Amino acid sequence: MKYNSTVTLKDGRACILRNGTASDGQALLEVFNRTHEQTDYLLSYPDEHEYTAEREAAFLQEKTESADEIELLAEVDGCVVGSAGIGCVGRKEKLRHRAEFGIGVDRAYWGLGIGRALTEACIACAQMAGYTQLELEVVAENRAALALYKSVGFEEYGRNPRGFRSRTGGWQELVLMRLELDALSREDLS
């Protein structure tokens, strides 16, 4: 799946949102490790990440060639500062209407609108791919992310009080959220 768009950030700079390609493997690896060092709200720790630049390149190439999955990169001033993607929950008939959403943005770029832009781009890509439901899990303490997801239409459908076990903070409650894509119109995303 291919995507390319430019958005203006709150500070006036341009941010290019584009699908990652094989040549972005090293940049994705670096931003992944950086974002996972900066917050305890993401799924894993950098030392648990087994990917190399070559494996990231293969991952990005696979997503670029996919008709229904994508990994988007956010690029500011020539640097990759975040990524987000959608992936199919399952290929069986009963599951193939559902996609998962994940995102990470470098802390130095928080508050500029990159998270919203990546989220909205992934929603649009999920719709183009024919999904009717987009899902995510977010740490309950992550108020900024919760507010963003609610503002674009995600709704909470459950909680897992022991969803994550943080190395430093113990149990982290996960909020399970979903967005019914078939209920959205194109105008809702503008």
Protein backbone atom coordinates (compact mmCIF):
# COMPACT_ATOMS: atom_id res chain seq x y z
CA MET A 1 0.00 0.00 0.00
CA LYS A 2 1.35 3.40 -0.90
CA TYR A 3 0.73 6.73 0.77
CA ASN A 4 2.31 10.17 0.52
CA SER A 5 1.12 13.44 2.00
CA THR A 6 2.58 16.60 3.46
CA VAL A 7 1.08 18.30 6.51
CA THR A 8 1.97 21.58 8.18
CA LEU A 9 2.91 21.18 11.82
CA LYS A 10 1.88 23.54 14.61
CA ASP A 11 5.31 25.17 14.45
CA GLY A 12 4.94 25.82 10.70
CA ARG A 13 7.35 23.13 9.49
CA ALA A 14 6.37 20.61 6.85
CA CYS A 15 6.02 16.95 7.80
CA ILE A 16 6.03 14.34 5.06
CA LEU A 17 3.93 11.26 5.76
CA ARG A 18 4.88 8.42 3.45
CA ASN A 19 5.06 4.71 3.32
CA GLY A 20 8.42 3.39 4.35
CA THR A 21 10.51 1.58 1.78
CA ALA A 22 13.39 -0.85 2.03
CA SER A 23 15.88 2.04 1.95
CA ASP A 24 14.40 3.34 5.23
CA GLY A 25 15.33 0.28 7.28
CA GLN A 26 18.07 1.96 9.33
CA ALA A 27 15.98 5.10 9.93
CA LEU A 28 13.01 3.03 11.13
CA LEU A 29 15.23 0.98 13.43
CA GLU A 30 16.65 4.16 14.96
CA VAL A 31 13.28 5.87 15.51
CA PHE A 32 11.80 2.64 16.89
CA ASN A 33 14.59 2.29 19.45
CA ARG A 34 14.48 6.00 20.33
CA THR A 35 10.70 6.11 20.87
CA HIS A 36 10.76 2.91 22.92
CA GLU A 37 13.48 4.39 25.16
CA GLN A 38 11.52 7.60 25.73
CA THR A 39 8.28 6.25 27.16
CA ASP A 40 7.01 3.31 29.14
CA TYR A 41 3.70 3.37 27.25
CA LEU A 42 4.82 1.28 24.24
CA LEU A 43 4.69 -2.51 23.87
CA SER A 44 8.36 -3.33 24.30
CA TYR A 45 11.74 -2.13 25.46
CA PRO A 46 14.57 -1.40 23.00
CA ASP A 47 16.64 -4.33 24.29
CA GLU A 48 13.78 -6.69 23.35
CA HIS A 49 13.72 -5.55 19.73
CA GLU A 50 15.34 -8.26 17.63
CA TYR A 51 15.15 -6.48 14.29
CA THR A 52 18.22 -5.31 12.41
CA ALA A 53 18.23 -2.59 9.77
CA GLU A 54 18.00 -5.35 7.17
CA ARG A 55 14.94 -6.92 8.82
CA GLU A 56 13.31 -3.50 9.14
CA ALA A 57 14.00 -2.93 5.42
CA ALA A 58 12.32 -6.25 4.55
CA PHE A 59 9.37 -5.37 6.83
CA LEU A 60 8.95 -2.00 5.12
CA GLN A 61 9.20 -3.53 1.65
CA GLU A 62 6.54 -6.10 2.58
CA LYS A 63 4.21 -3.36 3.85
CA THR A 64 4.79 -1.25 0.73
CA GLU A 65 3.86 -4.20 -1.49
CA SER A 66 0.82 -5.14 0.62
CA ALA A 67 -2.68 -4.26 -0.54
CA ASP A 68 -4.03 -3.95 3.00
CA GLU A 69 -1.16 -3.18 5.41
CA ILE A 70 1.15 -0.19 5.66
CA GLU A 71 3.90 1.32 7.76
CA LEU A 72 4.01 5.11 7.49
CA LEU A 73 6.99 7.26 8.35
CA ALA A 74 6.81 10.88 9.54
CA GLU A 75 9.72 12.89 8.21
CA VAL A 76 10.64 16.42 9.37
CA ASP A 77 13.63 18.29 7.97
CA GLY A 78 14.84 15.07 6.32
CA CYS A 79 14.75 13.02 9.55
CA VAL A 80 12.36 10.19 10.40
CA VAL A 81 10.72 11.24 13.67
CA GLY A 82 7.87 8.76 13.97
CA SER A 83 6.06 5.84 12.45
CA ALA A 84 2.62 4.31 12.48
CA GLY A 85 1.00 1.40 10.78
CA ILE A 86 -1.95 -0.86 10.30
CA GLY A 87 -1.90 -4.62 10.09
CA CYS A 88 -4.56 -7.23 9.53
CA VAL A 89 -5.78 -8.90 12.73
CA GLY A 90 -6.26 -12.17 10.85
CA ARG A 91 -6.83 -13.60 7.39
CA LYS A 92 -9.73 -15.87 8.31
CA GLU A 93 -13.14 -14.72 7.09
CA LYS A 94 -14.37 -13.89 10.58
CA LEU A 95 -11.37 -11.63 11.28
CA ARG A 96 -10.35 -10.00 8.03
CA HIS A 97 -12.56 -6.93 8.58
CA ARG A 98 -10.35 -5.91 11.53
CA ALA A 99 -7.03 -4.04 11.49
CA GLU A 100 -4.65 -3.16 14.33
CA PHE A 101 -3.09 0.28 14.69
CA GLY A 102 0.23 1.18 16.29
CA ILE A 103 2.20 4.43 16.52
CA GLY A 104 5.36 5.96 17.98
CA VAL A 105 6.63 9.54 17.77
CA ASP A 106 9.97 10.89 18.99
CA ARG A 107 9.39 12.85 22.23
CA ALA A 108 11.18 15.90 20.79
CA TYR A 109 8.30 16.18 18.29
CA TRP A 110 5.35 15.65 20.64
CA GLY A 111 2.68 18.31 20.60
CA LEU A 112 3.25 19.35 16.98
CA GLY A 113 0.40 17.37 15.41
CA ILE A 114 2.43 14.46 14.08
CA GLY A 115 0.54 11.87 16.13
CA ARG A 116 -2.80 13.18 14.86
CA ALA A 117 -1.57 13.31 11.26
CA LEU A 118 -0.23 9.74 11.40
CA THR A 119 -3.42 8.51 13.08
CA GLU A 120 -5.67 10.14 10.51
CA ALA A 121 -3.49 8.83 7.66
CA CYS A 122 -3.71 5.29 9.05
CA ILE A 123 -7.49 5.61 9.36
CA ALA A 124 -7.68 6.67 5.72
CA CYS A 125 -5.41 3.79 4.68
CA ALA A 126 -7.51 1.30 6.66
CA GLN A 127 -10.62 2.54 4.88
CA MET A 128 -8.92 2.30 1.48
CA ALA A 129 -7.87 -1.26 2.32
CA GLY A 130 -11.50 -2.18 3.01
CA TYR A 131 -11.34 -2.71 6.77
CA THR A 132 -14.48 -1.91 8.72
CA GLN A 133 -12.89 -1.80 12.18
CA LEU A 134 -9.59 -0.36 13.40
CA GLU A 135 -8.36 -1.39 16.86
CA LEU A 136 -5.71 -0.31 19.33
CA GLU A 137 -4.64 -0.75 22.93
CA VAL A 138 -3.35 2.21 24.94
CA VAL A 139 -1.98 2.50 28.47
CA ALA A 140 -4.71 4.13 30.59
CA GLU A 141 -2.23 6.63 32.09
CA ASN A 142 -1.40 7.94 28.61
CA ARG A 143 -3.96 10.74 28.71
CA ALA A 144 -2.68 12.56 25.63
CA ALA A 145 -3.00 9.45 23.46
CA LEU A 146 -6.44 8.64 24.87
CA ALA A 147 -7.63 12.17 24.10
CA LEU A 148 -6.28 11.95 20.55
CA TYR A 149 -7.91 8.60 19.85
CA LYS A 150 -11.26 9.74 21.25
CA SER A 151 -11.09 12.95 19.21
CA VAL A 152 -10.86 10.99 15.94
CA GLY A 153 -13.71 8.66 16.90
CA PHE A 154 -12.20 5.67 18.69
CA GLU A 155 -14.39 4.27 21.45
CA GLU A 156 -13.40 2.27 24.49
CA TYR A 157 -14.81 -1.25 24.57
CA GLY A 158 -12.92 -2.74 27.49
CA ARG A 159 -9.98 -2.63 29.85
CA ASN A 160 -7.28 -5.04 30.87
CA PRO A 161 -6.03 -4.05 34.35
CA ARG A 162 -2.91 -6.19 33.94
CA GLY A 163 -2.31 -5.53 30.25
CA PHE A 164 1.36 -4.57 30.59
CA ARG A 165 3.86 -5.27 33.35
CA SER A 166 6.29 -2.40 33.40
CA ARG A 167 9.87 -2.93 34.53
CA THR A 168 9.66 0.23 36.62
CA GLY A 169 6.02 0.81 37.51
CA GLY A 170 4.33 -2.55 37.93
CA TRP A 171 0.99 -3.25 36.26
CA GLN A 172 -0.29 -0.94 33.54
CA GLU A 173 -3.96 -0.98 32.65
CA LEU A 174 -4.69 -1.13 28.93
CA VAL A 175 -7.71 0.55 27.36
CA LEU A 176 -9.03 -1.39 24.38
CA MET A 177 -10.41 0.91 21.70
CA ARG A 178 -12.01 0.50 18.30
CA LEU A 179 -13.16 2.69 15.46
CA GLU A 180 -15.98 1.56 13.19
CA LEU A 181 -14.67 2.64 9.80
CA ASP A 182 -17.82 1.81 7.87
CA ALA A 183 -19.69 4.34 10.04
CA LEU A 184 -17.27 7.14 9.03
CA SER A 185 -17.61 9.26 5.98
CA ARG A 186 -14.65 10.73 4.16
CA GLU A 187 -15.66 14.17 5.44
CA ASP A 188 -15.18 13.00 9.05
CA LEU A 189 -11.43 12.73 8.41
CA SER A 190 -11.01 16.18 6.90
